[in-house]
Amino acid sequence: MNRDIQSALSAIQHYRPVDWEQIPDLGLYMDQVITFITRMYEPLYGEDIHGYLSPSMINNYVKSKLIPRPTGKKYSREQIALLTMIVALKQTSSMEDIRRMLTLQESETVEGMYAAFSRRFTGVIRSMCGGGEALPAPQTALDFAILASGYSAGCAAALKSEVQ
């Protein structure tokens, strides 16, 4: 691996999504949600993240029932977690595929799904950067999408290093 790409990847190797407990549970307005998610992904995607989530996108996700409607214009921890996963997954998956992957099974919770997503995504980034354990083989479509999304972030980092 060339030195510029190694340098770019080392900048993202310690990235991990925020823990469930760090997602605000007091209800955020749309602009606060966008700021929160943008700040969370900025270390990974840099300035490019600013086009990854907008009010119209969130409204479309609500209309298409990817996330539940806000309560009194405020978004809950569950909705923010879903949006966080959507932003990462939409780099490599269609909205219909994301809907299928994020549909909760009977005994599943958004918290559990988000925790699994965060572990897998963190593992992909660390493994890709050469600083983690070997990843377990993907078992679900969501596992493959997270893998692809992580490598998409690596590709973005590598392309930035080539431009500089």
Protein backbone atom coordinates (compact mmCIF):
# COMPACT_ATOMS: atom_id res chain seq x y z
CA MET A 1 0.00 0.00 0.00
CA ASN A 2 1.49 3.37 -0.91
CA ARG A 3 2.47 5.80 1.84
CA ASP A 4 -0.18 8.45 0.96
CA ILE A 5 -3.00 5.92 1.20
CA GLN A 6 -1.60 4.57 4.48
CA SER A 7 -1.53 8.11 5.84
CA ALA A 8 -5.12 8.76 4.71
CA LEU A 9 -6.32 5.50 6.25
CA SER A 10 -4.47 6.14 9.51
CA ALA A 11 -6.54 9.32 9.85
CA ILE A 12 -9.76 7.27 9.92
CA GLN A 13 -8.58 4.07 11.63
CA HIS A 14 -9.84 5.10 15.07
CA TYR A 15 -13.26 6.17 13.82
CA ARG A 16 -16.32 4.63 15.39
CA PRO A 17 -19.98 5.66 15.45
CA VAL A 18 -21.12 7.21 18.71
CA ASP A 19 -22.39 4.83 21.35
CA TRP A 20 -26.14 4.46 21.82
CA GLU A 21 -25.95 6.34 25.13
CA GLN A 22 -24.31 9.32 23.39
CA ILE A 23 -27.25 9.78 21.04
CA PRO A 24 -29.45 12.48 22.60
CA ASP A 25 -32.71 11.12 23.98
CA LEU A 26 -34.37 14.44 24.75
CA GLY A 27 -35.65 15.00 21.22
CA LEU A 28 -33.80 17.06 18.63
CA TYR A 29 -35.16 19.33 15.95
CA MET A 30 -34.26 18.53 12.35
CA ASP A 31 -31.38 21.03 12.11
CA GLN A 32 -29.93 19.64 15.35
CA VAL A 33 -30.20 16.08 14.00
CA ILE A 34 -28.37 17.09 10.83
CA THR A 35 -25.63 18.82 12.85
CA PHE A 36 -25.27 15.82 15.17
CA ILE A 37 -24.98 13.27 12.36
CA THR A 38 -22.72 15.51 10.27
CA ARG A 39 -20.32 15.95 13.18
CA MET A 40 -20.34 12.22 13.84
CA TYR A 41 -19.37 11.34 10.26
CA GLU A 42 -17.06 14.29 9.58
CA PRO A 43 -13.90 12.44 10.74
CA LEU A 44 -14.73 9.69 8.25
CA TYR A 45 -16.04 11.58 5.22
CA GLY A 46 -14.60 15.07 5.84
CA GLU A 47 -16.24 18.02 4.15
CA ASP A 48 -18.07 15.68 1.75
CA ILE A 49 -20.49 14.72 4.54
CA HIS A 50 -22.34 18.02 4.25
CA GLY A 51 -24.28 16.75 1.23
CA TYR A 52 -25.17 13.38 2.80
CA LEU A 53 -28.13 14.55 4.88
CA SER A 54 -30.54 17.44 4.35
CA PRO A 55 -34.02 18.42 5.56
CA SER A 56 -35.57 17.24 2.28
CA MET A 57 -33.82 13.86 2.60
CA ILE A 58 -35.12 13.41 6.13
CA ASN A 59 -38.62 14.38 5.01
CA ASN A 60 -38.39 11.81 2.21
CA TYR A 61 -37.24 9.12 4.68
CA VAL A 62 -40.27 9.92 6.84
CA LYS A 63 -42.68 9.92 3.85
CA SER A 64 -41.30 6.62 2.62
CA LYS A 65 -41.51 5.22 6.18
CA LEU A 66 -37.80 4.50 6.52
CA ILE A 67 -38.06 6.31 9.85
CA PRO A 68 -41.14 7.07 11.96
CA ARG A 69 -42.67 10.55 11.96
CA PRO A 70 -41.16 12.93 14.52
CA THR A 71 -43.22 13.80 17.58
CA GLY A 72 -43.86 17.52 17.67
CA LYS A 73 -41.06 18.14 15.14
CA LYS A 74 -38.57 16.43 17.47
CA TYR A 75 -36.62 13.29 16.60
CA SER A 76 -36.03 10.59 19.19
CA ARG A 77 -32.89 8.57 19.87
CA GLU A 78 -34.31 5.70 17.78
CA GLN A 79 -34.97 7.96 14.80
CA ILE A 80 -31.50 9.52 15.05
CA ALA A 81 -29.92 6.04 15.21
CA LEU A 82 -31.86 4.98 12.11
CA LEU A 83 -30.78 8.13 10.26
CA THR A 84 -27.19 7.47 11.30
CA MET A 85 -27.32 4.00 9.79
CA ILE A 86 -29.09 5.26 6.66
CA VAL A 87 -26.37 7.86 6.00
CA ALA A 88 -23.66 5.17 6.07
CA LEU A 89 -25.62 2.56 4.14
CA LYS A 90 -26.84 4.84 1.37
CA GLN A 91 -23.25 5.16 0.16
CA THR A 92 -23.58 1.69 -1.36
CA SER A 93 -27.22 0.55 -1.10
CA SER A 94 -30.54 1.61 -2.56
CA MET A 95 -33.25 3.02 -0.32
CA GLU A 96 -35.41 -0.06 -0.89
CA ASP A 97 -32.54 -2.32 0.15
CA ILE A 98 -31.91 -0.16 3.22
CA ARG A 99 -35.60 -0.43 4.13
CA ARG A 100 -35.37 -4.21 3.99
CA MET A 101 -32.13 -4.30 5.99
CA LEU A 102 -33.41 -1.94 8.70
CA THR A 103 -36.78 -3.60 9.16
CA LEU A 104 -36.81 -4.87 12.71
CA GLN A 105 -37.60 -8.50 13.35
CA GLU A 106 -40.10 -9.34 16.08
CA SER A 107 -37.63 -9.55 18.97
CA GLU A 108 -35.25 -6.82 17.69
CA THR A 109 -34.90 -3.25 18.93
CA VAL A 110 -33.39 -0.21 17.25
CA GLU A 111 -30.88 -0.09 20.10
CA GLY A 112 -29.74 -3.67 19.43
CA MET A 113 -29.58 -3.12 15.68
CA TYR A 114 -27.60 0.09 16.14
CA ALA A 115 -25.16 -1.60 18.54
CA ALA A 116 -24.57 -4.41 16.04
CA PHE A 117 -24.19 -1.88 13.21
CA SER A 118 -21.66 0.16 15.25
CA ARG A 119 -19.58 -2.91 16.15
CA ARG A 120 -19.52 -4.15 12.57
CA PHE A 121 -18.79 -0.72 11.08
CA THR A 122 -15.97 -0.06 13.56
CA GLY A 123 -14.52 -3.50 12.82
CA VAL A 124 -14.60 -2.87 9.07
CA ILE A 125 -12.79 0.46 9.40
CA ARG A 126 -10.12 -0.97 11.72
CA SER A 127 -9.61 -4.08 9.61
CA MET A 128 -9.38 -2.07 6.40
CA CYS A 129 -6.76 0.18 8.00
CA GLY A 130 -4.73 -2.81 9.18
CA GLY A 131 -5.39 -2.18 12.85
CA GLY A 132 -8.01 -4.73 13.76
CA GLU A 133 -8.80 -8.38 14.00
CA ALA A 134 -9.97 -10.36 11.04
CA LEU A 135 -13.65 -9.77 10.45
CA PRO A 136 -16.12 -12.58 10.80
CA ALA A 137 -17.70 -13.57 7.50
CA PRO A 138 -20.77 -11.51 6.66
CA GLN A 139 -23.97 -13.35 7.56
CA THR A 140 -26.69 -10.96 6.40
CA ALA A 141 -27.35 -8.38 3.71
CA LEU A 142 -26.82 -5.72 6.38
CA ASP A 143 -23.35 -7.16 7.13
CA PHE A 144 -22.41 -6.95 3.45
CA ALA A 145 -23.79 -3.39 3.17
CA ILE A 146 -21.80 -2.26 6.23
CA LEU A 147 -18.67 -3.84 4.76
CA ALA A 148 -19.26 -2.04 1.46
CA SER A 149 -19.97 1.25 3.23
CA GLY A 150 -16.78 1.01 5.28
CA TYR A 151 -14.73 0.31 2.19
CA SER A 152 -16.46 3.22 0.44
CA ALA A 153 -15.19 5.48 3.24
CA GLY A 154 -11.70 4.03 2.73
CA CYS A 155 -11.98 4.72 -0.98
CA ALA A 156 -12.96 8.34 -0.25
CA ALA A 157 -9.96 8.72 2.09
CA ALA A 158 -7.61 7.24 -0.53
CA LEU A 159 -8.96 9.52 -3.27
CA LYS A 160 -8.42 12.58 -1.04
CA SER A 161 -4.80 11.56 -0.53
CA GLU A 162 -4.28 11.33 -4.30
CA VAL A 163 -5.65 14.85 -4.86
CA GLN A 164 -3.39 16.49 -2.29
